[in-house]
N, C-alpha and C. Protein backbone atom coordinates (compact mmCIF):
# COMPACT_ATOMS: atom_id res chain seq x y z
N MET A 1 59.71 -13.95 -52.68
CA MET A 1 58.46 -13.82 -51.75
C MET A 1 58.66 -13.11 -50.69
N ILE A 2 57.88 -12.42 -50.34
CA ILE A 2 57.83 -11.31 -48.79
C ILE A 2 57.43 -12.59 -47.66
N ARG A 3 57.93 -12.94 -46.61
CA ARG A 3 56.83 -13.59 -46.07
C ARG A 3 56.25 -12.82 -44.94
N GLY A 4 56.28 -11.88 -44.67
CA GLY A 4 55.99 -11.05 -43.71
C GLY A 4 56.65 -9.99 -43.37
N ILE A 5 56.32 -9.34 -42.26
CA ILE A 5 57.12 -7.86 -41.17
C ILE A 5 58.17 -8.85 -40.40
N ASP A 6 59.02 -8.50 -40.55
CA ASP A 6 60.49 -8.59 -39.58
C ASP A 6 59.74 -8.36 -38.24
N HIS A 7 60.04 -6.70 -38.46
CA HIS A 7 59.98 -5.85 -36.80
C HIS A 7 60.03 -4.68 -37.66
N LEU A 8 59.55 -4.06 -36.60
CA LEU A 8 59.44 -2.04 -36.98
C LEU A 8 60.72 -1.62 -35.83
N ASN A 9 60.84 -0.38 -36.13
CA ASN A 9 62.54 -0.16 -35.37
C ASN A 9 61.60 1.63 -34.89
N ILE A 10 62.25 1.64 -33.89
CA ILE A 10 61.57 3.01 -33.46
C ILE A 10 63.19 3.48 -32.93
N VAL A 11 63.18 4.70 -32.94
CA VAL A 11 64.76 5.45 -32.75
C VAL A 11 64.11 6.06 -30.97
N VAL A 12 65.39 5.86 -30.21
CA VAL A 12 64.57 6.43 -29.26
C VAL A 12 66.07 7.25 -28.13
N ALA A 13 65.11 8.23 -27.79
CA ALA A 13 65.99 9.27 -26.84
C ALA A 13 67.26 8.51 -25.99
N ASP A 14 65.69 7.94 -25.02
CA ASP A 14 66.20 6.68 -23.66
C ASP A 14 66.11 5.71 -23.61
N MET A 15 66.45 4.78 -23.88
CA MET A 15 66.32 3.33 -23.47
C MET A 15 65.54 3.04 -23.09
N ALA A 16 66.20 3.30 -21.69
CA ALA A 16 65.41 2.72 -19.82
C ALA A 16 64.14 3.28 -20.10
N ARG A 17 64.10 5.00 -20.50
CA ARG A 17 62.91 5.22 -20.73
C ARG A 17 61.48 4.27 -21.25
N SER A 18 61.67 4.65 -22.51
CA SER A 18 61.28 3.55 -23.53
C SER A 18 60.85 2.62 -23.53
N LEU A 19 62.08 1.17 -22.83
CA LEU A 19 62.25 0.01 -22.25
C LEU A 19 60.80 -0.26 -21.33
N ASN A 20 60.88 1.05 -20.43
CA ASN A 20 59.96 0.78 -19.30
C ASN A 20 58.67 0.86 -20.25
N PHE A 21 58.18 2.21 -20.76
CA PHE A 21 57.34 2.22 -21.30
C PHE A 21 56.17 1.14 -21.98
N TYR A 22 57.38 0.60 -22.50
CA TYR A 22 56.43 -0.49 -23.82
C TYR A 22 56.77 -1.98 -22.56
N THR A 23 57.54 -2.10 -21.94
CA THR A 23 57.23 -3.66 -21.32
C THR A 23 56.78 -2.87 -20.12
N GLN A 24 56.54 -2.29 -19.58
CA GLN A 24 55.58 -1.94 -17.83
C GLN A 24 54.40 -1.88 -18.11
N ILE A 25 54.38 -0.68 -19.15
CA ILE A 25 53.47 0.15 -19.30
C ILE A 25 51.97 -0.72 -20.32
N LEU A 26 52.72 -1.35 -21.23
CA LEU A 26 52.34 -1.74 -22.71
C LEU A 26 51.95 -3.10 -22.92
N GLY A 27 52.86 -4.12 -21.68
CA GLY A 27 53.26 -5.89 -21.31
C GLY A 27 54.26 -5.79 -22.68
N PHE A 28 55.00 -5.52 -23.13
CA PHE A 28 55.97 -6.45 -24.08
C PHE A 28 56.71 -6.97 -23.64
N LYS A 29 57.73 -7.79 -24.26
CA LYS A 29 58.65 -9.00 -23.22
C LYS A 29 59.76 -8.39 -24.21
N LYS A 30 61.14 -8.46 -23.76
CA LYS A 30 62.43 -8.11 -23.80
C LYS A 30 62.76 -9.40 -24.77
N THR A 31 62.63 -9.38 -25.23
CA THR A 31 63.72 -10.69 -26.23
C THR A 31 64.86 -10.80 -26.48
N GLN A 32 65.56 -9.22 -26.55
CA GLN A 32 67.33 -9.39 -27.31
C GLN A 32 67.92 -8.23 -27.24
N GLU A 33 69.13 -7.82 -27.09
CA GLU A 33 69.64 -6.51 -26.62
C GLU A 33 70.86 -6.81 -27.04
N VAL A 34 71.42 -5.75 -28.23
CA VAL A 34 72.76 -5.57 -28.84
C VAL A 34 73.32 -4.52 -28.76
N HIS A 35 74.66 -4.21 -29.00
CA HIS A 35 75.20 -3.02 -28.79
C HIS A 35 75.84 -3.08 -30.21
N LEU A 36 75.60 -2.17 -30.99
CA LEU A 36 75.89 -1.95 -32.73
C LEU A 36 77.13 -1.24 -32.95
N GLU A 37 77.75 -1.01 -33.25
CA GLU A 37 79.44 -0.55 -33.85
C GLU A 37 80.12 -0.67 -35.22
N GLY A 38 80.46 -0.59 -35.74
CA GLY A 38 81.90 -0.62 -36.79
C GLY A 38 80.89 -0.55 -38.32
N ALA A 39 82.17 -0.66 -39.07
CA ALA A 39 81.79 -1.00 -40.58
C ALA A 39 80.17 -1.30 -41.42
N TRP A 40 80.13 -1.99 -40.42
CA TRP A 40 78.71 -2.71 -41.31
C TRP A 40 77.59 -2.25 -41.27
N ILE A 41 77.38 -1.78 -39.91
CA ILE A 41 76.03 -1.02 -39.48
C ILE A 41 75.97 0.28 -40.09
N GLU A 42 77.58 1.07 -39.77
CA GLU A 42 78.01 2.32 -40.80
C GLU A 42 77.21 2.37 -42.29
N ARG A 43 77.09 1.00 -42.61
CA ARG A 43 77.30 0.78 -44.84
C ARG A 43 75.40 0.86 -44.22
N ILE A 44 75.11 -0.02 -43.74
CA ILE A 44 73.73 -0.27 -44.11
C ILE A 44 72.73 0.80 -43.30
N VAL A 45 73.10 1.66 -42.37
CA VAL A 45 72.09 2.71 -42.18
C VAL A 45 72.53 4.42 -42.61
N GLY A 46 73.93 4.13 -43.64
CA GLY A 46 75.02 5.36 -44.23
C GLY A 46 75.16 6.12 -43.35
N LEU A 47 75.35 6.02 -41.87
CA LEU A 47 75.99 7.17 -41.26
C LEU A 47 77.41 6.80 -40.47
N SER A 48 77.84 7.63 -40.28
CA SER A 48 79.53 7.41 -39.80
C SER A 48 79.49 7.30 -38.12
N GLY A 49 80.50 7.02 -37.76
CA GLY A 49 80.66 6.20 -36.30
C GLY A 49 79.53 6.17 -35.64
N VAL A 50 79.09 5.08 -36.14
CA VAL A 50 77.91 4.74 -35.13
C VAL A 50 78.35 3.98 -34.02
N LYS A 51 77.13 4.26 -32.91
CA LYS A 51 77.43 3.42 -31.76
C LYS A 51 75.66 3.35 -30.99
N ALA A 52 75.26 2.17 -30.92
CA ALA A 52 74.20 1.92 -30.62
C ALA A 52 74.03 1.11 -29.88
N HIS A 53 72.87 1.16 -29.25
CA HIS A 53 72.06 0.29 -28.20
C HIS A 53 71.10 -0.10 -28.66
N ALA A 54 70.61 -1.68 -29.55
CA ALA A 54 69.24 -2.05 -29.98
C ALA A 54 68.74 -2.53 -28.14
N VAL A 55 67.66 -2.88 -28.02
CA VAL A 55 66.49 -3.75 -27.61
C VAL A 55 65.55 -4.20 -28.52
N PHE A 56 65.51 -5.59 -28.59
CA PHE A 56 63.90 -6.23 -29.16
C PHE A 56 63.45 -6.82 -28.46
N ILE A 57 62.16 -6.03 -28.59
CA ILE A 57 60.37 -6.40 -27.84
C ILE A 57 59.52 -7.45 -28.38
N VAL A 58 58.80 -7.97 -27.75
CA VAL A 58 57.44 -8.43 -28.75
C VAL A 58 56.15 -8.94 -27.98
N SER A 59 54.91 -8.38 -28.23
CA SER A 59 53.79 -7.68 -27.25
C SER A 59 54.11 -9.55 -27.16
N PRO A 60 52.52 -9.84 -25.76
CA PRO A 60 52.13 -10.86 -25.28
C PRO A 60 51.47 -11.88 -26.34
N GLY A 61 50.85 -10.99 -27.56
CA GLY A 61 50.10 -12.08 -28.71
C GLY A 61 51.20 -12.67 -29.54
N GLY A 62 52.57 -11.77 -29.48
CA GLY A 62 53.86 -12.35 -30.64
C GLY A 62 54.22 -11.67 -31.96
N GLU A 63 54.38 -11.90 -32.58
CA GLU A 63 55.00 -10.99 -33.93
C GLU A 63 53.94 -10.18 -34.42
N PRO A 64 54.57 -9.10 -35.34
CA PRO A 64 56.08 -8.76 -35.45
C PRO A 64 56.83 -8.40 -33.92
N ARG A 65 57.99 -8.44 -34.41
CA ARG A 65 59.18 -7.52 -33.23
C ARG A 65 59.00 -6.20 -33.30
N ILE A 66 59.30 -5.32 -32.20
CA ILE A 66 59.80 -4.10 -32.17
C ILE A 66 61.17 -3.77 -31.62
N GLU A 67 61.83 -3.08 -32.48
CA GLU A 67 63.11 -2.81 -32.17
C GLU A 67 63.58 -1.79 -31.81
N LEU A 68 63.42 -1.29 -30.16
CA LEU A 68 64.22 0.25 -29.97
C LEU A 68 65.24 0.22 -29.85
N LEU A 69 65.53 1.26 -30.41
CA LEU A 69 67.24 1.49 -31.55
C LEU A 69 67.72 3.36 -30.71
N HIS A 70 68.25 3.02 -29.71
CA HIS A 70 68.92 4.10 -29.46
C HIS A 70 70.32 4.35 -30.05
N TYR A 71 70.62 5.74 -30.21
CA TYR A 71 71.93 6.22 -31.42
C TYR A 71 71.99 6.96 -30.46
N GLU A 72 73.71 6.38 -29.32
CA GLU A 72 74.61 6.92 -28.60
C GLU A 72 75.77 7.80 -29.82
N MET A 73 76.05 7.60 -30.89
CA MET A 73 76.71 8.36 -31.70
C MET A 73 76.17 8.06 -33.07
N PRO A 74 75.81 8.60 -34.01
CA PRO A 74 75.19 10.05 -33.57
C PRO A 74 73.58 10.66 -33.53
N GLY A 75 73.85 11.42 -32.94
CA GLY A 75 72.42 11.35 -31.95
C GLY A 75 71.80 12.44 -32.93
N GLY A 76 70.42 11.84 -32.99
CA GLY A 76 69.62 12.48 -33.64
C GLY A 76 68.72 13.67 -33.24
N VAL A 77 67.80 14.03 -34.18
CA VAL A 77 66.46 14.86 -33.55
C VAL A 77 64.96 14.36 -33.41
N ALA A 78 64.30 15.03 -33.15
CA ALA A 78 62.76 15.08 -33.06
C ALA A 78 62.50 15.95 -33.67
N LEU A 79 61.56 15.24 -34.58
CA LEU A 79 60.74 16.44 -35.23
C LEU A 79 59.35 16.51 -35.05
N ALA A 80 58.82 18.01 -34.00
CA ALA A 80 57.14 17.51 -33.86
C ALA A 80 56.22 17.02 -34.78
N GLU A 81 56.56 17.28 -36.31
CA GLU A 81 55.58 16.41 -37.29
C GLU A 81 55.31 15.33 -37.61
N ASN A 82 56.24 14.66 -37.18
CA ASN A 82 56.41 13.01 -37.30
C ASN A 82 54.92 12.84 -36.16
N SER A 83 54.45 13.29 -35.35
CA SER A 83 53.73 13.15 -33.93
C SER A 83 52.35 13.77 -34.66
N CYS A 84 52.52 14.06 -35.89
CA CYS A 84 50.97 14.59 -36.49
C CYS A 84 50.51 13.36 -37.57
N ALA A 85 48.69 13.17 -37.82
CA ALA A 85 48.64 11.91 -38.11
C ALA A 85 48.77 12.40 -39.46
N ASN A 86 48.61 13.36 -39.94
CA ASN A 86 49.07 13.62 -41.85
C ASN A 86 50.27 14.19 -42.17
N THR A 87 51.70 14.05 -41.13
CA THR A 87 52.69 14.41 -41.95
C THR A 87 52.77 12.58 -43.17
N LEU A 88 53.85 12.81 -44.30
CA LEU A 88 53.82 12.06 -44.96
C LEU A 88 54.81 10.82 -44.10
N GLY A 89 54.22 10.21 -44.85
CA GLY A 89 55.55 8.60 -44.46
C GLY A 89 55.11 7.62 -43.61
N LEU A 90 55.68 6.70 -42.39
CA LEU A 90 54.93 5.87 -41.92
C LEU A 90 54.31 7.10 -40.40
N ARG A 91 53.22 6.90 -40.37
CA ARG A 91 53.02 7.61 -39.66
C ARG A 91 52.56 6.75 -37.75
N HIS A 92 51.98 6.11 -38.18
CA HIS A 92 51.61 4.76 -36.94
C HIS A 92 51.55 3.06 -36.59
N PHE A 93 51.67 2.17 -35.56
CA PHE A 93 51.26 1.30 -35.93
C PHE A 93 49.97 0.85 -34.40
N ALA A 94 49.75 -0.12 -35.40
CA ALA A 94 48.47 -0.74 -34.43
C ALA A 94 48.56 -1.24 -32.96
N LEU A 95 48.25 -1.30 -32.06
CA LEU A 95 48.27 -3.12 -31.43
C LEU A 95 46.75 -3.75 -30.79
N ARG A 96 46.17 -4.71 -31.19
CA ARG A 96 45.20 -4.84 -31.04
C ARG A 96 45.30 -5.18 -29.90
N VAL A 97 43.97 -4.95 -29.00
CA VAL A 97 43.53 -5.17 -27.47
C VAL A 97 42.31 -5.73 -27.13
N ASP A 98 41.83 -6.55 -26.34
CA ASP A 98 41.16 -7.02 -25.33
C ASP A 98 39.93 -5.52 -24.51
N ASP A 99 40.08 -4.97 -24.07
CA ASP A 99 39.72 -4.32 -23.58
C ASP A 99 40.09 -2.50 -23.90
N ILE A 100 39.58 -1.89 -24.94
CA ILE A 100 40.54 -0.71 -25.34
C ILE A 100 40.08 0.72 -23.94
N GLU A 101 39.09 -0.08 -23.34
CA GLU A 101 38.84 1.29 -22.05
C GLU A 101 40.09 1.16 -20.84
N GLU A 102 40.09 -0.02 -20.89
CA GLU A 102 40.74 -0.48 -19.63
C GLU A 102 42.01 0.23 -20.13
N MET A 103 42.66 -0.09 -21.34
CA MET A 103 44.27 0.33 -21.80
C MET A 103 44.12 1.32 -21.80
N THR A 104 43.11 2.18 -22.42
CA THR A 104 42.98 3.61 -22.49
C THR A 104 43.44 4.38 -20.95
N GLY A 105 42.64 3.64 -19.86
CA GLY A 105 42.85 4.05 -18.51
C GLY A 105 43.76 3.66 -17.67
N THR A 106 44.95 2.85 -18.70
CA THR A 106 46.63 2.21 -18.13
C THR A 106 46.82 3.67 -18.63
N LEU A 107 47.10 3.83 -19.24
CA LEU A 107 48.12 4.98 -20.46
C LEU A 107 47.80 6.08 -19.81
N ARG A 108 46.23 7.17 -19.60
CA ARG A 108 46.22 8.24 -18.87
C ARG A 108 46.83 7.90 -17.40
N ALA A 109 46.50 6.86 -17.18
CA ALA A 109 47.22 6.90 -15.37
C ALA A 109 48.95 6.75 -15.26
N ALA A 110 49.53 6.60 -16.28
CA ALA A 110 50.95 6.22 -16.77
C ALA A 110 51.15 7.99 -17.55
N GLY A 111 50.45 8.65 -17.49
CA GLY A 111 50.52 10.48 -17.53
C GLY A 111 51.07 9.96 -19.06
N VAL A 112 50.66 9.18 -19.93
CA VAL A 112 50.53 8.90 -21.94
C VAL A 112 49.63 10.01 -22.14
N SER A 113 50.14 10.70 -23.43
CA SER A 113 49.30 11.47 -23.79
C SER A 113 48.26 10.91 -24.70
N VAL A 114 46.92 10.70 -24.40
CA VAL A 114 46.11 9.79 -25.34
C VAL A 114 45.09 10.83 -25.87
N PHE A 115 45.03 10.69 -27.44
CA PHE A 115 43.89 11.67 -28.27
C PHE A 115 42.94 11.73 -27.70
N SER A 116 42.13 10.83 -27.80
CA SER A 116 40.74 11.11 -27.10
C SER A 116 40.20 9.77 -26.55
N GLU A 117 38.75 9.66 -26.33
CA GLU A 117 38.21 8.68 -25.62
C GLU A 117 38.30 7.28 -26.51
N PRO A 118 38.61 6.52 -26.53
CA PRO A 118 38.00 5.55 -27.60
C PRO A 118 37.03 5.57 -28.46
N VAL A 119 37.27 5.71 -29.84
CA VAL A 119 36.01 5.80 -31.24
C VAL A 119 35.54 4.76 -31.64
N ARG A 120 34.27 4.37 -31.55
CA ARG A 120 33.83 3.35 -32.89
C ARG A 120 33.79 3.72 -34.17
N VAL A 121 34.59 3.05 -35.21
CA VAL A 121 34.28 3.52 -36.30
C VAL A 121 32.87 3.32 -36.99
N PRO A 122 32.47 3.69 -37.25
CA PRO A 122 30.98 4.24 -37.83
C PRO A 122 30.49 2.49 -38.81
N ALA A 123 29.71 1.73 -38.28
CA ALA A 123 29.04 0.84 -38.64
C ALA A 123 28.83 0.86 -40.11
N GLY A 124 29.19 0.30 -40.87
CA GLY A 124 29.10 0.29 -42.83
C GLY A 124 30.14 1.07 -43.49
N LEU A 125 31.19 1.72 -43.05
CA LEU A 125 32.05 2.38 -43.60
C LEU A 125 33.16 1.45 -43.82
N VAL A 126 33.36 -0.13 -42.54
CA VAL A 126 34.30 -0.55 -43.50
C VAL A 126 33.69 -1.99 -42.69
N LYS A 127 33.99 -2.92 -43.11
CA LYS A 127 32.93 -3.69 -43.01
C LYS A 127 34.30 -5.39 -42.35
N PHE A 128 34.24 -5.22 -40.53
CA PHE A 128 35.26 -5.92 -40.56
C PHE A 128 34.56 -7.74 -40.23
N ALA A 129 35.74 -8.56 -40.44
CA ALA A 129 35.28 -10.03 -40.15
C ALA A 129 34.71 -10.07 -38.72
N ASN A 130 35.48 -9.28 -37.50
CA ASN A 130 35.04 -9.88 -36.47
C ASN A 130 33.91 -8.61 -35.66
N GLY A 131 32.82 -7.80 -36.39
CA GLY A 131 32.50 -7.14 -36.11
C GLY A 131 32.31 -5.78 -36.18
N SER A 132 32.10 -4.89 -35.47
CA SER A 132 33.04 -3.46 -34.72
C SER A 132 34.15 -2.97 -34.32
N LYS A 133 34.84 -1.87 -34.68
CA LYS A 133 36.10 -1.39 -34.56
C LYS A 133 36.17 -0.41 -33.79
N THR A 134 36.75 -0.52 -32.67
CA THR A 134 37.20 1.28 -31.96
C THR A 134 38.23 1.16 -31.78
N LEU A 135 38.62 2.59 -31.83
CA LEU A 135 40.11 3.38 -32.04
C LEU A 135 40.56 4.19 -31.07
N VAL A 136 41.70 4.45 -30.61
CA VAL A 136 42.51 5.36 -29.98
C VAL A 136 43.70 5.38 -29.94
N TYR A 137 44.00 6.84 -30.48
CA TYR A 137 45.36 6.75 -30.57
C TYR A 137 46.53 7.46 -29.60
N PHE A 138 47.60 7.07 -29.18
CA PHE A 138 48.38 7.85 -27.92
C PHE A 138 49.71 7.95 -28.66
N LEU A 139 51.05 8.80 -28.10
CA LEU A 139 52.25 9.18 -28.34
C LEU A 139 52.88 8.64 -27.07
N ASP A 140 54.11 7.36 -27.70
CA ASP A 140 55.10 6.89 -26.87
C ASP A 140 55.89 7.75 -26.12
N PRO A 141 56.62 7.82 -25.50
CA PRO A 141 57.75 8.71 -24.83
C PRO A 141 58.75 9.66 -25.94
N ASP A 142 58.87 9.52 -27.15
CA ASP A 142 58.91 10.16 -28.19
C ASP A 142 58.62 10.65 -29.17
N GLY A 143 57.53 10.12 -28.66
CA GLY A 143 56.45 10.81 -29.59
C GLY A 143 55.62 10.21 -30.47
N VAL A 144 55.88 8.85 -30.99
CA VAL A 144 55.58 7.69 -31.69
C VAL A 144 54.37 7.65 -31.63
N MET A 145 53.33 8.05 -33.01
CA MET A 145 51.98 8.18 -32.76
C MET A 145 51.38 6.20 -32.72
N VAL A 146 51.07 5.58 -31.74
CA VAL A 146 50.67 4.16 -31.35
C VAL A 146 48.86 4.17 -31.37
N GLU A 147 48.56 3.14 -32.34
CA GLU A 147 46.49 3.53 -32.37
C GLU A 147 46.94 1.72 -31.23
N LEU A 148 45.33 2.65 -30.82
CA LEU A 148 44.77 0.65 -29.95
C LEU A 148 44.15 0.42 -30.91
N ALA A 149 43.34 -0.80 -30.68
CA ALA A 149 42.62 -1.37 -31.43
C ALA A 149 41.75 -2.23 -31.02
N GLU A 150 40.73 -2.51 -30.91
CA GLU A 150 39.42 -3.21 -30.70
C GLU A 150 38.55 -3.43 -31.05
N TYR A 151 38.25 -5.12 -31.18
CA TYR A 151 37.31 -5.52 -32.95
C TYR A 151 36.35 -6.09 -31.20
N ARG A 152 34.87 -5.63 -32.04
CA ARG A 152 34.11 -6.92 -30.86
C ARG A 152 32.73 -7.23 -32.13
């Protein structure tokens, strides 16, 4: 039986930059930090010579955790297609916020690439128990798509 989502993983190019983004701009809290290497992690991820640095963060509202993971070895590549909404596979995760206008302003002030102004989902399209839903997409420092969602 599935009990829930344990964590989401984001592979990052620069741990300090990503940790600053998620903690200082978005307000996440660092909970754990570990360095990974050896046969056990190589078997899990299917790569040889793994040396990696993982930091777990959690939003002020709680779970699930996000694992920021930087591979020192072997290095990976960034694919521009992964920052497009229609690329197959896991494409974004959503963060629930109380004030989407304020958070969008905070992102823009920090130089974050925001796709648009917040957009309200048309009434009647999807029924939300909490009323209406407003959304905006942005990219994290590594081009990972993130959604802000506000319910009113």
